[in-house]
Amino acid sequence: MKDQSVTIPWSTQKRLQFLEFKLYWEGRVNRGDLTAEFGISIPQASVDFTKYQEIAPKNISYNSSAKYYEPTETFSPIFIELSADAYFSTILCSPTESIATCGSDYVAAVPNPSRAIDLDVLRTLVQSIKNKQVVSVDYRSFNNPQPGNTRMVSPHAFGTDGLRWHVRAYCHESNSFKDFVLGRIASAVMGSESNIDVNSDHKWFNYAEVVIGPNPKLNEAQKNIVAMDYGMTDFELKIKCRVALLYYLMKKIGIDRNGSDRAGEEQQIVTVNFDEIQAAIRQ
């Protein structure tokens, strides 16, 4: 934030930060957004909007017909950082980000390499999700690495495995819901209203329970250590996960292969219901 913290109370700063976040990323904001998020009154929300307009008059304009505020072409952030990491950190409210960057000598987190995400692409996808619109994306995949691989997609959610972000969208080319890595989208252009029922993305809205346990190849003492480490009950731990994210979960914690194929020291935990989870992934 630029030189405003001295004169603005912390609680007001948080509301103005939220206002600016919605204004930029979602392309619209009104008093109801502030009252719903912070539980404040409409008059207080009006005061906050007036305060923001005093601080950044060139950032915001009122659309009287739609009855909401919009960002101007000359928008320049005062309270937020314009980066993909900052956007996702805000919507997740993740403590890991602050731990990894706090510079403390008694606590630290393993840093993740930052993926390059075009901010215009991300902003277009955010607004297309909010407005339920089709987007034309130039997507670079290993199968089609050349520029110009345009697809029409209907985005409805974002997902992450902790290392990279993807957008969950209906692909109008394959007539199926897929994951598109954000860093591989070269451009995105908003199109017409989407007629896709996102609730038909059953893999996204349905959950499966991954049951993990100690690798059977471990000895009893080792199994007890693993059970203690993971807080298992009767040598099992159940993890609820969206079906669409099962593949990433299995890869992340190293249980994407059948435990019987690897030594206990190499893979300390295994998926007890491995065949069931693999069937859910293949659906």
Protein backbone atom coordinates (compact mmCIF):
# COMPACT_ATOMS: atom_id res chain seq x y z
CA MET A 1 0.00 0.00 0.00
CA LYS A 2 1.31 3.47 -0.89
CA ASP A 3 1.78 5.99 1.95
CA GLN A 4 -1.77 5.65 3.33
CA SER A 5 -1.18 3.50 6.41
CA VAL A 6 -0.24 6.47 8.60
CA THR A 7 -3.60 8.19 8.32
CA ILE A 8 -6.05 5.30 7.79
CA PRO A 9 -7.09 2.96 10.64
CA TRP A 10 -6.21 -0.70 10.10
CA SER A 11 -9.86 -1.84 9.92
CA THR A 12 -10.59 0.74 7.23
CA GLN A 13 -7.46 -0.27 5.33
CA LYS A 14 -8.69 -3.88 5.19
CA ARG A 15 -12.06 -2.81 3.80
CA LEU A 16 -10.47 -0.53 1.19
CA GLN A 17 -8.09 -3.34 0.24
CA PHE A 18 -11.07 -5.67 -0.26
CA LEU A 19 -12.89 -2.97 -2.25
CA GLU A 20 -9.90 -2.48 -4.54
CA PHE A 21 -9.38 -6.24 -4.90
CA LYS A 22 -12.97 -6.76 -6.08
CA LEU A 23 -12.80 -3.65 -8.24
CA TYR A 24 -9.75 -4.78 -10.18
CA TRP A 25 -10.04 -8.54 -10.36
CA GLU A 26 -13.81 -8.96 -10.71
CA GLY A 27 -14.40 -5.70 -12.54
CA ARG A 28 -17.20 -4.52 -10.27
CA VAL A 29 -17.95 -3.81 -6.63
CA ASN A 30 -20.78 -2.24 -4.66
CA ARG A 31 -21.73 -1.42 -1.09
CA GLY A 32 -23.40 -4.79 -0.64
CA ASP A 33 -20.05 -6.52 -1.15
CA LEU A 34 -18.57 -4.61 1.79
CA THR A 35 -21.56 -5.17 4.07
CA ALA A 36 -21.62 -8.91 3.28
CA GLU A 37 -17.89 -9.37 3.83
CA PHE A 38 -17.39 -7.24 6.95
CA GLY A 39 -20.87 -7.07 8.51
CA ILE A 40 -20.88 -3.27 8.41
CA SER A 41 -23.83 -0.99 7.75
CA ILE A 42 -24.74 0.51 4.37
CA PRO A 43 -23.87 4.04 5.63
CA GLN A 44 -20.41 2.81 6.72
CA ALA A 45 -19.91 1.17 3.32
CA SER A 46 -20.82 4.51 1.66
CA VAL A 47 -18.20 6.23 3.81
CA ASP A 48 -15.62 3.66 2.68
CA PHE A 49 -16.41 4.20 -0.98
CA THR A 50 -16.16 7.96 -0.50
CA LYS A 51 -12.81 7.49 1.23
CA TYR A 52 -11.50 5.34 -1.62
CA GLN A 53 -12.64 7.89 -4.19
CA GLU A 54 -10.80 10.61 -2.28
CA ILE A 55 -7.61 8.53 -2.25
CA ALA A 56 -7.78 7.18 -5.80
CA PRO A 57 -10.26 9.23 -7.85
CA LYS A 58 -8.76 8.02 -11.14
CA ASN A 59 -9.24 4.34 -10.25
CA ILE A 60 -12.99 4.07 -9.92
CA SER A 61 -16.17 5.10 -11.70
CA TYR A 62 -19.84 4.50 -10.97
CA ASN A 63 -22.05 2.70 -13.47
CA SER A 64 -25.43 4.25 -12.65
CA SER A 65 -27.45 1.87 -14.85
CA ALA A 66 -25.89 -1.28 -13.40
CA LYS A 67 -25.54 0.27 -9.91
CA TYR A 68 -21.99 -0.81 -9.22
CA TYR A 69 -18.50 0.68 -9.36
CA GLU A 70 -16.05 -0.26 -12.13
CA PRO A 71 -12.29 0.19 -12.58
CA THR A 72 -11.17 2.90 -14.97
CA GLU A 73 -8.69 2.48 -17.80
CA THR A 74 -6.17 4.42 -15.70
CA PHE A 75 -6.50 2.11 -12.67
CA SER A 76 -3.34 1.98 -10.56
CA PRO A 77 -3.40 -0.05 -7.31
CA ILE A 78 -3.06 1.62 -3.94
CA PHE A 79 -3.87 -1.21 -1.53
CA ILE A 80 -3.23 -4.43 -3.47
CA GLU A 81 -0.34 -6.06 -5.27
CA LEU A 82 -0.99 -6.98 -8.89
CA SER A 83 0.37 -10.50 -9.15
CA ALA A 84 -1.08 -13.98 -9.55
CA ASP A 85 0.52 -15.10 -6.29
CA ALA A 86 -1.09 -12.20 -4.43
CA TYR A 87 -4.49 -12.93 -5.97
CA PHE A 88 -4.49 -16.61 -5.02
CA SER A 89 -2.97 -15.92 -1.62
CA THR A 90 -5.87 -13.53 -0.94
CA ILE A 91 -8.66 -15.88 -2.02
CA LEU A 92 -7.10 -18.77 -0.10
CA CYS A 93 -6.12 -16.71 2.95
CA SER A 94 -3.11 -19.04 3.08
CA PRO A 95 -0.75 -18.68 6.08
CA THR A 96 2.01 -20.52 4.21
CA GLU A 97 2.78 -17.50 2.06
CA SER A 98 3.52 -15.30 5.05
CA ILE A 99 5.56 -18.02 6.77
CA ALA A 100 7.70 -18.59 3.68
CA THR A 101 8.49 -14.89 3.30
CA CYS A 102 8.53 -13.60 6.88
CA GLY A 103 12.32 -13.84 7.20
CA SER A 104 12.18 -15.42 10.66
CA ASP A 105 15.11 -17.49 11.94
CA TYR A 106 12.95 -19.89 13.96
CA VAL A 107 10.31 -20.83 11.39
CA ALA A 108 10.58 -21.36 7.64
CA ALA A 109 8.81 -23.03 4.74
CA VAL A 110 10.29 -24.61 1.65
CA PRO A 111 9.80 -22.03 -1.13
CA ASN A 112 7.97 -22.99 -4.30
CA PRO A 113 9.18 -21.80 -7.70
CA SER A 114 6.78 -19.17 -8.94
CA ARG A 115 4.90 -19.98 -12.15
CA ALA A 116 4.57 -17.22 -14.74
CA ILE A 117 0.89 -16.30 -15.04
CA ASP A 118 -0.21 -13.49 -17.32
CA LEU A 119 -2.27 -11.06 -15.23
CA ASP A 120 -4.56 -10.10 -18.11
CA VAL A 121 -5.28 -13.80 -18.66
CA LEU A 122 -6.00 -14.37 -14.98
CA ARG A 123 -8.21 -11.31 -14.73
CA THR A 124 -10.18 -12.37 -17.81
CA LEU A 125 -10.70 -15.85 -16.35
CA VAL A 126 -11.79 -14.47 -12.96
CA GLN A 127 -14.37 -12.22 -14.59
CA SER A 128 -15.57 -14.95 -16.98
CA ILE A 129 -16.25 -17.21 -13.99
CA LYS A 130 -18.14 -14.45 -12.19
CA ASN A 131 -20.13 -13.55 -15.31
CA LYS A 132 -20.54 -17.12 -16.65
CA GLN A 133 -19.00 -16.41 -20.04
CA VAL A 134 -17.14 -18.39 -22.69
CA VAL A 135 -13.46 -17.57 -23.15
CA SER A 136 -11.24 -18.08 -26.18
CA VAL A 137 -7.79 -19.16 -24.95
CA ASP A 138 -4.52 -19.70 -26.78
CA TYR A 139 -3.32 -22.76 -24.87
CA ARG A 140 0.14 -24.33 -25.16
CA SER A 141 0.22 -28.03 -24.29
CA PHE A 142 2.92 -30.66 -24.83
CA ASN A 143 0.77 -32.16 -27.57
CA ASN A 144 0.16 -28.76 -29.20
CA PRO A 145 3.08 -26.50 -28.22
CA GLN A 146 2.81 -24.07 -31.11
CA PRO A 147 1.06 -20.68 -30.88
CA GLY A 148 -2.47 -20.44 -32.21
CA ASN A 149 -3.94 -23.51 -30.49
CA THR A 150 -7.18 -21.70 -29.73
CA ARG A 151 -9.87 -23.35 -27.65
CA MET A 152 -13.25 -22.17 -26.49
CA VAL A 153 -13.72 -22.92 -22.81
CA SER A 154 -16.25 -22.16 -20.08
CA PRO A 155 -14.27 -21.72 -16.82
CA HIS A 156 -15.92 -22.22 -13.45
CA ALA A 157 -13.18 -22.78 -10.82
CA PHE A 158 -9.48 -22.66 -9.99
CA GLY A 159 -7.44 -25.48 -8.51
CA THR A 160 -3.90 -25.99 -7.30
CA ASP A 161 -1.63 -28.83 -6.22
CA GLY A 162 0.43 -26.42 -4.15
CA LEU A 163 2.96 -25.85 -6.94
CA ARG A 164 0.95 -24.60 -9.89
CA TRP A 165 -2.54 -23.29 -10.56
CA HIS A 166 -4.98 -24.45 -13.19
CA VAL A 167 -8.43 -23.33 -14.27
CA ARG A 168 -11.21 -25.90 -14.33
CA ALA A 169 -13.26 -25.39 -17.46
CA TYR A 170 -15.57 -27.05 -19.94
CA CYS A 171 -13.71 -27.50 -23.22
CA HIS A 172 -16.10 -26.96 -26.12
CA GLU A 173 -13.69 -28.80 -28.44
CA SER A 174 -13.61 -32.09 -26.51
CA ASN A 175 -17.04 -31.63 -24.88
CA SER A 176 -15.64 -32.40 -21.46
CA PHE A 177 -14.42 -30.67 -18.32
CA LYS A 178 -10.63 -30.32 -18.16
CA ASP A 179 -7.81 -28.62 -16.27
CA PHE A 180 -5.83 -25.91 -18.06
CA VAL A 181 -2.52 -24.82 -16.51
CA LEU A 182 -2.63 -21.04 -16.10
CA GLY A 183 1.02 -20.55 -17.02
CA ARG A 184 0.38 -22.19 -20.40
CA ILE A 185 -2.42 -19.85 -21.46
CA ALA A 186 -0.84 -17.22 -23.71
CA SER A 187 -3.99 -15.14 -24.14
CA ALA A 188 -7.64 -15.12 -23.15
CA VAL A 189 -10.52 -13.20 -24.70
CA MET A 190 -13.99 -13.04 -23.17
CA GLY A 191 -16.83 -14.08 -25.45
CA SER A 192 -20.54 -14.76 -25.25
CA GLU A 193 -22.59 -16.01 -22.34
CA SER A 194 -21.96 -19.68 -21.58
CA ASN A 195 -24.82 -22.17 -21.64
CA ILE A 196 -22.83 -24.84 -19.80
CA ASP A 197 -24.25 -26.10 -16.51
CA VAL A 198 -21.14 -26.18 -14.32
CA ASN A 199 -22.96 -28.47 -11.89
CA SER A 200 -22.57 -31.19 -14.50
CA ASP A 201 -18.83 -31.25 -13.70
CA HIS A 202 -19.35 -34.21 -11.40
CA LYS A 203 -15.65 -34.74 -10.78
CA TRP A 204 -15.40 -31.23 -9.35
CA PHE A 205 -18.50 -31.30 -7.18
CA ASN A 206 -18.18 -34.91 -5.98
CA TYR A 207 -15.69 -36.11 -3.39
CA ALA A 208 -13.85 -39.35 -2.73
CA GLU A 209 -12.17 -40.59 0.43
CA VAL A 210 -8.55 -41.59 0.04
CA VAL A 211 -7.57 -44.04 2.76
CA ILE A 212 -3.86 -44.12 3.51
CA GLY A 213 -1.93 -46.42 5.80
CA PRO A 214 1.65 -47.55 6.52
CA ASN A 215 3.36 -49.54 3.77
CA PRO A 216 2.83 -53.24 4.56
CA LYS A 217 6.52 -53.83 3.83
CA LEU A 218 7.50 -51.87 6.96
CA ASN A 219 8.10 -53.73 10.21
CA GLU A 220 5.68 -53.24 13.10
CA ALA A 221 7.81 -50.61 14.86
CA GLN A 222 8.10 -48.62 11.65
CA LYS A 223 4.36 -48.88 11.00
CA ASN A 224 3.70 -47.46 14.47
CA ILE A 225 6.00 -44.51 13.76
CA VAL A 226 4.16 -43.75 10.48
CA ALA A 227 0.77 -44.06 12.21
CA MET A 228 1.91 -41.65 14.94
CA ASP A 229 3.38 -39.23 12.38
CA TYR A 230 0.12 -38.98 10.43
CA GLY A 231 -2.24 -39.25 13.41
CA MET A 232 -3.78 -42.45 12.07
CA THR A 233 -6.53 -44.37 13.81
CA ASP A 234 -6.17 -48.15 13.54
CA PHE A 235 -3.36 -47.54 11.05
CA GLU A 236 -5.60 -45.60 8.67
CA LEU A 237 -6.12 -41.95 7.77
CA LYS A 238 -9.01 -40.82 5.57
CA ILE A 239 -8.54 -37.78 3.34
CA LYS A 240 -11.57 -36.21 1.66
CA CYS A 241 -10.75 -34.79 -1.77
CA ARG A 242 -12.59 -33.57 -4.86
CA VAL A 243 -12.50 -36.30 -7.50
CA ALA A 244 -11.05 -33.78 -9.98
CA LEU A 245 -8.08 -33.24 -7.65
CA LEU A 246 -7.38 -36.87 -6.75
CA TYR A 247 -4.59 -37.23 -9.32
CA TYR A 248 -2.76 -34.21 -7.88
CA LEU A 249 -3.20 -35.40 -4.30
CA MET A 250 -1.80 -38.84 -5.12
CA LYS A 251 1.22 -37.32 -6.89
CA LYS A 252 1.85 -34.75 -4.17
CA ILE A 253 2.08 -37.19 -1.28
CA GLY A 254 3.76 -39.91 -3.34
CA ILE A 255 1.02 -42.54 -3.37
CA ASP A 256 0.28 -42.52 -7.10
CA ARG A 257 1.83 -45.96 -7.47
CA ASN A 258 0.70 -49.17 -5.83
CA GLY A 259 2.59 -49.54 -2.56
CA SER A 260 3.39 -53.17 -3.29
CA ASP A 261 5.73 -51.97 -6.06
CA ARG A 262 8.04 -49.98 -3.78
CA ALA A 263 10.08 -50.64 -0.67
CA GLY A 264 8.78 -49.34 2.66
CA GLU A 265 11.65 -46.90 3.15
CA GLU A 266 11.00 -45.45 -0.32
CA GLN A 267 7.23 -45.11 0.14
CA GLN A 268 6.26 -45.07 3.79
CA ILE A 269 2.52 -44.67 3.16
CA VAL A 270 0.25 -46.41 0.68
CA THR A 271 -3.30 -45.99 -0.55
CA VAL A 272 -5.38 -48.69 1.13
CA ASN A 273 -8.20 -48.27 -1.41
CA PHE A 274 -5.84 -47.77 -4.40
CA ASP A 275 -7.99 -49.56 -7.00
CA GLU A 276 -11.12 -47.62 -5.93
CA ILE A 277 -9.34 -44.27 -6.24
CA GLN A 278 -7.80 -45.12 -9.60
CA ALA A 279 -11.27 -46.07 -10.89
CA ALA A 280 -12.63 -42.70 -9.68
CA ILE A 281 -9.83 -40.86 -11.49
CA ARG A 282 -10.52 -42.73 -14.73
CA GLN A 283 -14.27 -41.98 -14.70
